[in-house]
């Protein structure tokens, strides 16, 4: 498993912590760069959706997937058909 795959796996496993860190970074950026709050919020939201299952700091309605997530049971977008690896041992 390459470095990028390991990082991607860690991001997905700890999505809640990553989202909290992105929130804190966004708040710090707002104090340093005045007048760009909306752009900073948009960037933080986009990053939170790119890591794991979306923004875990906001409650999700029951039964709904975050925007941009694949349907349940679908292969990840970076996977090629027939090349799925077995899950890592726990």
N, C-alpha and C. Protein backbone atom coordinates (compact mmCIF):
# COMPACT_ATOMS: atom_id res chain seq x y z
N UNK A 1 0.85 -1.17 0.00
CA UNK A 1 0.00 0.00 0.00
C UNK A 1 0.90 1.23 0.00
N UNK A 2 0.63 2.13 -0.92
CA UNK A 2 1.44 3.33 -1.04
C UNK A 2 1.08 4.37 0.01
N UNK A 3 1.87 5.40 0.07
CA UNK A 3 1.69 6.46 1.04
C UNK A 3 0.34 7.16 0.87
N UNK A 4 -0.04 7.45 -0.37
CA UNK A 4 -1.31 8.14 -0.59
C UNK A 4 -2.50 7.29 -0.15
N UNK A 5 -2.43 5.98 -0.38
CA UNK A 5 -3.52 5.11 0.05
C UNK A 5 -3.63 5.09 1.57
N UNK A 6 -2.48 5.08 2.25
CA UNK A 6 -2.48 5.09 3.71
C UNK A 6 -3.06 6.40 4.25
N UNK A 7 -2.66 7.51 3.63
CA UNK A 7 -3.20 8.80 4.05
C UNK A 7 -4.70 8.88 3.81
N UNK A 8 -5.15 8.41 2.66
CA UNK A 8 -6.58 8.43 2.33
C UNK A 8 -7.36 7.59 3.34
N UNK A 9 -6.83 6.43 3.70
CA UNK A 9 -7.48 5.56 4.68
C UNK A 9 -7.56 6.23 6.05
N UNK A 10 -6.47 6.87 6.47
CA UNK A 10 -6.47 7.57 7.76
C UNK A 10 -7.48 8.72 7.77
N UNK A 11 -7.56 9.46 6.66
CA UNK A 11 -8.52 10.55 6.57
C UNK A 11 -9.95 10.04 6.73
N UNK A 12 -10.23 8.90 6.11
CA UNK A 12 -11.58 8.35 6.19
C UNK A 12 -11.87 7.78 7.57
N UNK A 13 -10.88 7.18 8.21
CA UNK A 13 -11.08 6.59 9.53
C UNK A 13 -11.31 7.66 10.59
N UNK A 14 -10.66 8.81 10.43
CA UNK A 14 -10.72 9.86 11.44
C UNK A 14 -11.36 11.12 10.88
N UNK A 15 -12.41 10.94 10.10
CA UNK A 15 -13.07 12.06 9.44
C UNK A 15 -13.58 13.11 10.42
N UNK A 16 -14.10 12.68 11.56
CA UNK A 16 -14.62 13.64 12.53
C UNK A 16 -13.52 14.54 13.06
N UNK A 17 -12.36 13.98 13.33
CA UNK A 17 -11.23 14.78 13.84
C UNK A 17 -10.70 15.72 12.76
N UNK A 18 -10.65 15.24 11.53
CA UNK A 18 -10.18 16.08 10.41
C UNK A 18 -11.13 17.26 10.24
N UNK A 19 -12.45 17.01 10.30
CA UNK A 19 -13.43 18.08 10.15
C UNK A 19 -13.30 19.11 11.27
N UNK A 20 -13.06 18.65 12.49
CA UNK A 20 -12.89 19.58 13.60
C UNK A 20 -11.64 20.44 13.39
N UNK A 21 -10.56 19.82 12.92
CA UNK A 21 -9.34 20.57 12.64
C UNK A 21 -9.53 21.59 11.54
N UNK A 22 -10.29 21.22 10.51
CA UNK A 22 -10.56 22.16 9.42
C UNK A 22 -11.40 23.33 9.92
N UNK A 23 -12.36 23.07 10.82
CA UNK A 23 -13.15 24.16 11.41
C UNK A 23 -12.25 25.13 12.17
N UNK A 24 -11.34 24.58 12.97
CA UNK A 24 -10.42 25.44 13.74
C UNK A 24 -9.51 26.24 12.81
N UNK A 25 -9.01 25.60 11.77
CA UNK A 25 -8.14 26.30 10.81
C UNK A 25 -8.92 27.41 10.11
N UNK A 26 -10.18 27.15 9.77
CA UNK A 26 -11.00 28.17 9.13
C UNK A 26 -11.23 29.36 10.05
N UNK A 27 -11.49 29.09 11.33
CA UNK A 27 -11.70 30.18 12.28
C UNK A 27 -10.42 31.01 12.44
N UNK A 28 -9.28 30.35 12.48
CA UNK A 28 -8.01 31.07 12.58
C UNK A 28 -7.77 31.93 11.33
N UNK A 29 -8.07 31.36 10.17
CA UNK A 29 -7.90 32.10 8.92
C UNK A 29 -8.78 33.34 8.90
N UNK A 30 -9.98 33.23 9.45
CA UNK A 30 -10.88 34.39 9.48
C UNK A 30 -10.31 35.52 10.33
N UNK A 31 -9.56 35.18 11.40
CA UNK A 31 -8.97 36.23 12.23
C UNK A 31 -7.78 36.88 11.54
N UNK A 32 -7.10 36.13 10.67
CA UNK A 32 -5.91 36.64 10.00
C UNK A 32 -6.26 37.40 8.71
N UNK A 33 -7.33 36.98 8.04
CA UNK A 33 -7.70 37.57 6.75
C UNK A 33 -9.11 38.14 6.91
N UNK A 34 -9.21 39.40 7.19
CA UNK A 34 -10.51 40.03 7.43
C UNK A 34 -11.26 40.24 6.11
N UNK A 35 -12.58 40.06 6.15
CA UNK A 35 -13.41 40.36 5.00
C UNK A 35 -13.58 39.22 4.01
N UNK A 36 -13.05 38.04 4.29
CA UNK A 36 -13.17 36.92 3.37
C UNK A 36 -13.82 35.71 4.05
N UNK A 37 -14.69 35.99 5.01
CA UNK A 37 -15.32 34.92 5.78
C UNK A 37 -16.08 33.94 4.90
N UNK A 38 -16.84 34.45 3.94
CA UNK A 38 -17.64 33.58 3.08
C UNK A 38 -16.77 32.63 2.26
N UNK A 39 -15.67 33.15 1.69
CA UNK A 39 -14.77 32.31 0.90
C UNK A 39 -14.09 31.26 1.77
N UNK A 40 -13.71 31.63 2.97
CA UNK A 40 -13.07 30.69 3.89
C UNK A 40 -14.06 29.58 4.26
N UNK A 41 -15.30 29.97 4.57
CA UNK A 41 -16.32 28.97 4.90
C UNK A 41 -16.56 28.01 3.74
N UNK A 42 -16.60 28.54 2.52
CA UNK A 42 -16.79 27.68 1.34
C UNK A 42 -15.63 26.71 1.18
N UNK A 43 -14.41 27.19 1.39
CA UNK A 43 -13.24 26.32 1.26
C UNK A 43 -13.25 25.22 2.33
N UNK A 44 -13.59 25.59 3.56
CA UNK A 44 -13.65 24.60 4.64
C UNK A 44 -14.72 23.56 4.34
N UNK A 45 -15.90 24.00 3.89
CA UNK A 45 -16.97 23.07 3.55
C UNK A 45 -16.54 22.10 2.45
N UNK A 46 -15.89 22.61 1.43
CA UNK A 46 -15.44 21.78 0.31
C UNK A 46 -14.42 20.74 0.80
N UNK A 47 -13.47 21.16 1.62
CA UNK A 47 -12.47 20.23 2.16
C UNK A 47 -13.11 19.17 3.05
N UNK A 48 -14.09 19.57 3.85
CA UNK A 48 -14.76 18.61 4.72
C UNK A 48 -15.52 17.57 3.91
N UNK A 49 -16.08 17.97 2.78
CA UNK A 49 -16.79 17.02 1.93
C UNK A 49 -15.82 16.09 1.21
N UNK A 50 -14.59 16.55 0.98
CA UNK A 50 -13.60 15.73 0.29
C UNK A 50 -12.99 14.67 1.20
N UNK A 51 -13.05 14.87 2.51
CA UNK A 51 -12.47 13.92 3.44
C UNK A 51 -13.56 13.07 4.05
N UNK A 52 -13.45 11.79 3.95
CA UNK A 52 -14.41 10.89 4.58
C UNK A 52 -15.80 10.98 3.98
N UNK A 53 -16.80 10.97 4.83
CA UNK A 53 -18.20 10.93 4.40
C UNK A 53 -18.85 12.29 4.42
N UNK A 54 -18.11 13.36 4.26
CA UNK A 54 -18.70 14.68 4.28
C UNK A 54 -18.44 15.38 5.60
N UNK A 55 -19.14 16.47 5.82
CA UNK A 55 -18.94 17.27 7.02
C UNK A 55 -19.58 16.57 8.20
N UNK A 56 -18.77 16.02 9.09
CA UNK A 56 -19.30 15.30 10.24
C UNK A 56 -19.61 16.23 11.40
N UNK A 57 -19.30 17.53 11.27
CA UNK A 57 -19.58 18.46 12.35
C UNK A 57 -21.02 18.95 12.30
N UNK A 58 -21.73 18.68 11.20
CA UNK A 58 -23.14 19.05 11.08
C UNK A 58 -23.98 17.78 11.15
N UNK A 59 -25.12 17.82 11.84
CA UNK A 59 -25.95 16.62 11.90
C UNK A 59 -26.54 16.30 10.53
N UNK A 60 -26.57 15.02 10.18
CA UNK A 60 -27.12 14.57 8.91
C UNK A 60 -28.54 14.07 9.14
N UNK A 61 -29.46 14.39 8.23
CA UNK A 61 -30.80 13.82 8.35
C UNK A 61 -30.74 12.31 8.22
N UNK A 62 -31.58 11.58 8.93
CA UNK A 62 -31.54 10.11 8.85
C UNK A 62 -31.81 9.61 7.44
N UNK A 63 -31.00 8.65 7.01
CA UNK A 63 -31.20 8.01 5.71
C UNK A 63 -30.65 8.78 4.53
N UNK A 64 -30.01 9.92 4.76
CA UNK A 64 -29.47 10.69 3.64
C UNK A 64 -27.96 10.57 3.59
N UNK A 65 -27.43 10.48 2.37
CA UNK A 65 -25.99 10.47 2.16
C UNK A 65 -25.54 11.90 1.93
N UNK A 66 -24.30 12.24 2.29
CA UNK A 66 -23.81 13.57 2.00
C UNK A 66 -23.69 13.77 0.50
N UNK A 67 -23.76 15.03 0.04
CA UNK A 67 -23.66 15.27 -1.40
C UNK A 67 -22.33 14.80 -1.95
N UNK A 68 -22.37 14.19 -3.11
CA UNK A 68 -21.15 13.72 -3.77
C UNK A 68 -20.67 12.36 -3.33
N UNK A 69 -21.34 11.74 -2.36
CA UNK A 69 -20.90 10.42 -1.92
C UNK A 69 -21.52 9.36 -2.82
N UNK A 70 -20.78 8.29 -3.07
CA UNK A 70 -21.32 7.23 -3.93
C UNK A 70 -22.45 6.50 -3.24
N UNK A 71 -23.36 5.91 -4.00
CA UNK A 71 -24.43 5.14 -3.38
C UNK A 71 -23.85 4.00 -2.56
N UNK A 72 -24.58 3.60 -1.55
CA UNK A 72 -24.09 2.55 -0.66
C UNK A 72 -23.86 1.27 -1.46
N UNK A 73 -22.70 0.65 -1.28
CA UNK A 73 -22.34 -0.56 -1.99
C UNK A 73 -21.62 -0.30 -3.29
N UNK A 74 -21.51 0.96 -3.71
CA UNK A 74 -20.82 1.28 -4.96
C UNK A 74 -19.32 1.31 -4.72
N UNK A 75 -18.56 1.03 -5.77
CA UNK A 75 -17.10 1.08 -5.68
C UNK A 75 -16.66 2.53 -5.56
N UNK A 76 -15.56 2.81 -4.84
CA UNK A 76 -15.05 4.17 -4.76
C UNK A 76 -14.70 4.68 -6.15
N UNK A 77 -14.79 6.01 -6.36
CA UNK A 77 -14.55 6.54 -7.71
C UNK A 77 -13.15 6.28 -8.24
N UNK A 78 -12.14 6.09 -7.38
CA UNK A 78 -10.79 5.85 -7.86
C UNK A 78 -10.51 4.37 -8.10
N UNK A 79 -11.46 3.51 -7.81
CA UNK A 79 -11.27 2.07 -8.01
C UNK A 79 -11.64 1.68 -9.44
N UNK A 80 -10.86 0.78 -9.99
CA UNK A 80 -11.19 0.27 -11.31
C UNK A 80 -11.90 -1.05 -11.13
N UNK A 81 -12.84 -1.36 -12.01
CA UNK A 81 -13.60 -2.60 -11.85
C UNK A 81 -12.68 -3.82 -11.80
N UNK A 82 -12.95 -4.70 -10.86
CA UNK A 82 -12.20 -5.95 -10.73
C UNK A 82 -10.88 -5.82 -10.01
N UNK A 83 -10.53 -4.61 -9.54
CA UNK A 83 -9.23 -4.44 -8.88
C UNK A 83 -9.39 -4.07 -7.41
N UNK A 84 -10.49 -4.46 -6.81
CA UNK A 84 -10.68 -4.12 -5.41
C UNK A 84 -9.81 -4.99 -4.53
N UNK A 85 -9.18 -4.36 -3.55
CA UNK A 85 -8.34 -5.07 -2.60
C UNK A 85 -9.19 -5.49 -1.42
N UNK A 86 -8.83 -6.58 -0.77
CA UNK A 86 -9.58 -6.95 0.43
C UNK A 86 -9.32 -5.93 1.53
N UNK A 87 -10.25 -5.78 2.46
CA UNK A 87 -10.06 -4.81 3.53
C UNK A 87 -8.85 -5.19 4.38
N UNK A 88 -8.15 -4.17 4.95
CA UNK A 88 -6.98 -4.47 5.77
C UNK A 88 -7.39 -5.22 7.03
N UNK A 89 -6.52 -6.10 7.53
CA UNK A 89 -6.84 -6.82 8.76
C UNK A 89 -6.92 -5.86 9.93
N UNK A 90 -7.78 -6.19 10.87
CA UNK A 90 -7.93 -5.31 12.06
C UNK A 90 -7.34 -5.98 13.25
